[in-house]
Amino acid sequence: MRRIWHVFNALTLVNVVLMFTAEDTASRVLHAVAVVSFALAAIATRPARRPGQRP
């Protein structure tokens, strides 16, 4: 479970690329929504910092 956020980060980046290469406005909007969704999921699943861990 600790590494699932890497998957969400990768999906966010893929959707950013697809958003910029989309040909029509509807596709761009759908990819933009997916970018926001995956970014929020990545933030929510990010592992917590351990005490004493350097930033």
PDB file of N, CA and C in Angstrom:
ATOM      1  N   MET A   1       0.818  -1.198   0.000  1.00  0.00           N
ATOM      2  CA  MET A   1       0.000   0.000   0.000  1.00  0.00           C
ATOM      3  C   MET A   1       0.858   1.258   0.000  1.00  0.00           C
ATOM      4  N   ARG A   2       2.074   1.147   0.497  1.00  0.00           N
ATOM      5  CA  ARG A   2       2.914   2.341   0.586  1.00  0.00           C
ATOM      6  C   ARG A   2       3.323   2.863  -0.786  1.00  0.00           C
ATOM      7  N   ARG A   3       3.363   1.990  -1.788  1.00  0.00           N
ATOM      8  CA  ARG A   3       3.873   2.427  -3.091  1.00  0.00           C
ATOM      9  C   ARG A   3       2.778   2.693  -4.111  1.00  0.00           C
ATOM     10  N   ILE A   4       1.529   2.592  -3.695  1.00  0.00           N
ATOM     11  CA  ILE A   4       0.441   2.837  -4.637  1.00  0.00           C
ATOM     12  C   ILE A   4       0.445   4.286  -5.122  1.00  0.00           C
ATOM     13  N   TRP A   5       0.972   5.184  -4.324  1.00  0.00           N
ATOM     14  CA  TRP A   5       0.981   6.579  -4.739  1.00  0.00           C
ATOM     15  C   TRP A   5       1.878   6.803  -5.945  1.00  0.00           C
ATOM     16  N   HIS A   6       2.878   5.918  -6.155  1.00  0.00           N
ATOM     17  CA  HIS A   6       3.688   6.002  -7.376  1.00  0.00           C
ATOM     18  C   HIS A   6       2.822   5.744  -8.609  1.00  0.00           C
ATOM     19  N   VAL A   7       1.891   4.832  -8.489  1.00  0.00           N
ATOM     20  CA  VAL A   7       0.987   4.538  -9.600  1.00  0.00           C
ATOM     21  C   VAL A   7       0.130   5.761  -9.915  1.00  0.00           C
ATOM     22  N   PHE A   8      -0.415   6.390  -8.878  1.00  0.00           N
ATOM     23  CA  PHE A   8      -1.234   7.581  -9.096  1.00  0.00           C
ATOM     24  C   PHE A   8      -0.406   8.718  -9.690  1.00  0.00           C
ATOM     25  N   ASN A   9       0.844   8.868  -9.248  1.00  0.00           N
ATOM     26  CA  ASN A   9       1.712   9.893  -9.831  1.00  0.00           C
ATOM     27  C   ASN A   9       1.981   9.610 -11.309  1.00  0.00           C
ATOM     28  N   ALA A  10       2.231   8.356 -11.640  1.00  0.00           N
ATOM     29  CA  ALA A  10       2.478   7.998 -13.037  1.00  0.00           C
ATOM     30  C   ALA A  10       1.242   8.254 -13.898  1.00  0.00           C
ATOM     31  N   LEU A  11       0.067   7.886 -13.371  1.00  0.00           N
ATOM     32  CA  LEU A  11      -1.158   8.125 -14.123  1.00  0.00           C
ATOM     33  C   LEU A  11      -1.426   9.615 -14.297  1.00  0.00           C
ATOM     34  N   THR A  12      -1.065  10.413 -13.313  1.00  0.00           N
ATOM     35  CA  THR A  12      -1.203  11.862 -13.435  1.00  0.00           C
ATOM     36  C   THR A  12      -0.336  12.376 -14.575  1.00  0.00           C
ATOM     37  N   LEU A  13       0.922  11.939 -14.612  1.00  0.00           N
ATOM     38  CA  LEU A  13       1.824  12.400 -15.671  1.00  0.00           C
ATOM     39  C   LEU A  13       1.367  11.952 -17.052  1.00  0.00           C
ATOM     40  N   VAL A  14       0.885  10.722 -17.154  1.00  0.00           N
ATOM     41  CA  VAL A  14       0.386  10.233 -18.442  1.00  0.00           C
ATOM     42  C   VAL A  14      -0.795  11.073 -18.905  1.00  0.00           C
ATOM     43  N   ASN A  15      -1.693  11.402 -17.987  1.00  0.00           N
ATOM     44  CA  ASN A  15      -2.850  12.200 -18.375  1.00  0.00           C
ATOM     45  C   ASN A  15      -2.477  13.637 -18.726  1.00  0.00           C
ATOM     46  N   VAL A  16      -1.435  14.171 -18.126  1.00  0.00           N
ATOM     47  CA  VAL A  16      -0.962  15.509 -18.505  1.00  0.00           C
ATOM     48  C   VAL A  16      -0.484  15.491 -19.955  1.00  0.00           C
ATOM     49  N   VAL A  17       0.295  14.469 -20.301  1.00  0.00           N
ATOM     50  CA  VAL A  17       0.779  14.354 -21.682  1.00  0.00           C
ATOM     51  C   VAL A  17      -0.392  14.190 -22.644  1.00  0.00           C
ATOM     52  N   LEU A  18      -1.335  13.323 -22.291  1.00  0.00           N
ATOM     53  CA  LEU A  18      -2.493  13.115 -23.158  1.00  0.00           C
ATOM     54  C   LEU A  18      -3.351  14.369 -23.266  1.00  0.00           C
ATOM     55  N   MET A  19      -3.415  15.150 -22.201  1.00  0.00           N
ATOM     56  CA  MET A  19      -4.194  16.385 -22.229  1.00  0.00           C
ATOM     57  C   MET A  19      -3.601  17.363 -23.253  1.00  0.00           C
ATOM     58  N   PHE A  20      -2.274  17.475 -23.269  1.00  0.00           N
ATOM     59  CA  PHE A  20      -1.645  18.417 -24.197  1.00  0.00           C
ATOM     60  C   PHE A  20      -1.616  17.911 -25.628  1.00  0.00           C
ATOM     61  N   THR A  21      -1.737  16.599 -25.830  1.00  0.00           N
ATOM     62  CA  THR A  21      -1.712  16.072 -27.191  1.00  0.00           C
ATOM     63  C   THR A  21      -3.112  15.757 -27.728  1.00  0.00           C
ATOM     64  N   ALA A  22      -4.144  16.006 -26.934  1.00  0.00           N
ATOM     65  CA  ALA A  22      -5.510  15.734 -27.386  1.00  0.00           C
ATOM     66  C   ALA A  22      -5.891  16.673 -28.524  1.00  0.00           C
ATOM     67  N   GLU A  23      -6.739  16.169 -29.395  1.00  0.00           N
ATOM     68  CA  GLU A  23      -7.095  16.937 -30.585  1.00  0.00           C
ATOM     69  C   GLU A  23      -8.331  17.808 -30.411  1.00  0.00           C
ATOM     70  N   ASP A  24      -9.232  17.433 -29.535  1.00  0.00           N
ATOM     71  CA  ASP A  24     -10.436  18.249 -29.379  1.00  0.00           C
ATOM     72  C   ASP A  24     -10.617  18.676 -27.921  1.00  0.00           C
ATOM     73  N   THR A  25     -11.477  19.630 -27.738  1.00  0.00           N
ATOM     74  CA  THR A  25     -11.674  20.232 -26.422  1.00  0.00           C
ATOM     75  C   THR A  25     -12.257  19.246 -25.414  1.00  0.00           C
ATOM     76  N   ALA A  26     -13.159  18.405 -25.840  1.00  0.00           N
ATOM     77  CA  ALA A  26     -13.772  17.443 -24.927  1.00  0.00           C
ATOM     78  C   ALA A  26     -12.715  16.494 -24.354  1.00  0.00           C
ATOM     79  N   SER A  27     -11.811  16.034 -25.175  1.00  0.00           N
ATOM     80  CA  SER A  27     -10.743  15.149 -24.699  1.00  0.00           C
ATOM     81  C   SER A  27      -9.832  15.875 -23.720  1.00  0.00           C
ATOM     82  N   ARG A  28      -9.524  17.126 -24.025  1.00  0.00           N
ATOM     83  CA  ARG A  28      -8.679  17.909 -23.113  1.00  0.00           C
ATOM     84  C   ARG A  28      -9.332  18.071 -21.752  1.00  0.00           C
ATOM     85  N   VAL A  29     -10.629  18.345 -21.750  1.00  0.00           N
ATOM     86  CA  VAL A  29     -11.349  18.525 -20.489  1.00  0.00           C
ATOM     87  C   VAL A  29     -11.373  17.214 -19.699  1.00  0.00           C
ATOM     88  N   LEU A  30     -11.641  16.110 -20.378  1.00  0.00           N
ATOM     89  CA  LEU A  30     -11.664  14.818 -19.686  1.00  0.00           C
ATOM     90  C   LEU A  30     -10.300  14.457 -19.101  1.00  0.00           C
ATOM     91  N   HIS A  31      -9.237  14.722 -19.838  1.00  0.00           N
ATOM     92  CA  HIS A  31      -7.901  14.446 -19.324  1.00  0.00           C
ATOM     93  C   HIS A  31      -7.556  15.393 -18.180  1.00  0.00           C
ATOM     94  N   ALA A  32      -8.007  16.630 -18.250  1.00  0.00           N
ATOM     95  CA  ALA A  32      -7.768  17.574 -17.153  1.00  0.00           C
ATOM     96  C   ALA A  32      -8.468  17.108 -15.877  1.00  0.00           C
ATOM     97  N   VAL A  33      -9.679  16.602 -16.015  1.00  0.00           N
ATOM     98  CA  VAL A  33     -10.400  16.067 -14.858  1.00  0.00           C
ATOM     99  C   VAL A  33      -9.660  14.856 -14.297  1.00  0.00           C
ATOM    100  N   ALA A  34      -9.161  14.008 -15.166  1.00  0.00           N
ATOM    101  CA  ALA A  34      -8.401  12.836 -14.715  1.00  0.00           C
ATOM    102  C   ALA A  34      -7.114  13.254 -14.014  1.00  0.00           C
ATOM    103  N   VAL A  35      -6.457  14.299 -14.518  1.00  0.00           N
ATOM    104  CA  VAL A  35      -5.236  14.793 -13.875  1.00  0.00           C
ATOM    105  C   VAL A  35      -5.536  15.223 -12.445  1.00  0.00           C
ATOM    106  N   VAL A  36      -6.589  15.990 -12.267  1.00  0.00           N
ATOM    107  CA  VAL A  36      -6.946  16.452 -10.927  1.00  0.00           C
ATOM    108  C   VAL A  36      -7.303  15.268 -10.028  1.00  0.00           C
ATOM    109  N   SER A  37      -8.068  14.326 -10.560  1.00  0.00           N
ATOM    110  CA  SER A  37      -8.472  13.160  -9.768  1.00  0.00           C
ATOM    111  C   SER A  37      -7.270  12.334  -9.323  1.00  0.00           C
ATOM    112  N   PHE A  38      -6.365  12.029 -10.238  1.00  0.00           N
ATOM    113  CA  PHE A  38      -5.202  11.224  -9.882  1.00  0.00           C
ATOM    114  C   PHE A  38      -4.251  11.989  -8.966  1.00  0.00           C
ATOM    115  N   ALA A  39      -4.152  13.308  -9.145  1.00  0.00           N
ATOM    116  CA  ALA A  39      -3.306  14.098  -8.253  1.00  0.00           C
ATOM    117  C   ALA A  39      -3.856  14.073  -6.826  1.00  0.00           C
ATOM    118  N   LEU A  40      -5.155  14.204  -6.684  1.00  0.00           N
ATOM    119  CA  LEU A  40      -5.763  14.134  -5.354  1.00  0.00           C
ATOM    120  C   LEU A  40      -5.584  12.750  -4.735  1.00  0.00           C
ATOM    121  N   ALA A  41      -5.716  11.720  -5.547  1.00  0.00           N
ATOM    122  CA  ALA A  41      -5.504  10.361  -5.044  1.00  0.00           C
ATOM    123  C   ALA A  41      -4.051  10.162  -4.622  1.00  0.00           C
ATOM    124  N   ALA A  42      -3.117  10.727  -5.377  1.00  0.00           N
ATOM    125  CA  ALA A  42      -1.699  10.606  -5.012  1.00  0.00           C
ATOM    126  C   ALA A  42      -1.416  11.314  -3.696  1.00  0.00           C
ATOM    127  N   ILE A  43      -2.006  12.482  -3.515  1.00  0.00           N
ATOM    128  CA  ILE A  43      -1.815  13.209  -2.256  1.00  0.00           C
ATOM    129  C   ILE A  43      -2.411  12.430  -1.091  1.00  0.00           C
ATOM    130  N   ALA A  44      -3.581  11.843  -1.307  1.00  0.00           N
ATOM    131  CA  ALA A  44      -4.263  11.114  -0.236  1.00  0.00           C
ATOM    132  C   ALA A  44      -3.533   9.829   0.145  1.00  0.00           C
ATOM    133  N   THR A  45      -2.824   9.212  -0.783  1.00  0.00           N
ATOM    134  CA  THR A  45      -2.163   7.935  -0.499  1.00  0.00           C
ATOM    135  C   THR A  45      -0.667   8.076  -0.253  1.00  0.00           C
ATOM    136  N   ARG A  46      -0.184   9.312  -0.228  1.00  0.00           N
ATOM    137  CA  ARG A  46       1.243   9.537   0.010  1.00  0.00           C
ATOM    138  C   ARG A  46       1.611   9.019   1.401  1.00  0.00           C
ATOM    139  N   PRO A  47       2.726   8.313   1.505  1.00  0.00           N
ATOM    140  CA  PRO A  47       3.109   7.793   2.821  1.00  0.00           C
ATOM    141  C   PRO A  47       3.458   8.928   3.774  1.00  0.00           C
ATOM    142  N   ALA A  48       3.131   8.737   5.042  1.00  0.00           N
ATOM    143  CA  ALA A  48       3.416   9.743   6.059  1.00  0.00           C
ATOM    144  C   ALA A  48       4.898   9.754   6.365  1.00  0.00           C
ATOM    145  N   ARG A  49       5.367  10.902   6.763  1.00  0.00           N
ATOM    146  CA  ARG A  49       6.784  11.023   7.162  1.00  0.00           C
ATOM    147  C   ARG A  49       6.988  10.355   8.514  1.00  0.00           C
ATOM    148  N   ARG A  50       8.122   9.735   8.640  1.00  0.00           N
ATOM    149  CA  ARG A  50       8.471   9.115   9.914  1.00  0.00           C
ATOM    150  C   ARG A  50       9.177  10.151  10.783  1.00  0.00           C
ATOM    151  N   PRO A  51       8.977  10.087  12.080  1.00  0.00           N
ATOM    152  CA  PRO A  51       9.691  11.021  12.965  1.00  0.00           C
ATOM    153  C   PRO A  51      11.187  10.855  12.810  1.00  0.00           C
ATOM    154  N   GLY A  52      11.880  11.970  12.739  1.00  0.00           N
ATOM    155  CA  GLY A  52      13.324  11.936  12.608  1.00  0.00           C
ATOM    156  C   GLY A  52      13.807  11.774  11.181  1.00  0.00           C
ATOM    157  N   GLN A  53      12.920  11.662  10.229  1.00  0.00           N
ATOM    158  CA  GLN A  53      13.298  11.505   8.824  1.00  0.00           C
ATOM    159  C   GLN A  53      13.604  12.876   8.242  1.00  0.00           C
ATOM    160  N   ARG A  54      14.661  12.956   7.458  1.00  0.00           N
ATOM    161  CA  ARG A  54      15.024  14.233   6.843  1.00  0.00           C
ATOM    162  C   ARG A  54      14.051  14.548   5.714  1.00  0.00           C
ATOM    163  N   PRO A  55      13.743  15.845   5.508  1.00  0.00           N
ATOM    164  CA  PRO A  55      12.805  16.222   4.428  1.00  0.00           C
ATOM    165  C   PRO A  55      13.347  15.979   3.049  1.00  0.00           C
TER     166      PRO A  55
END
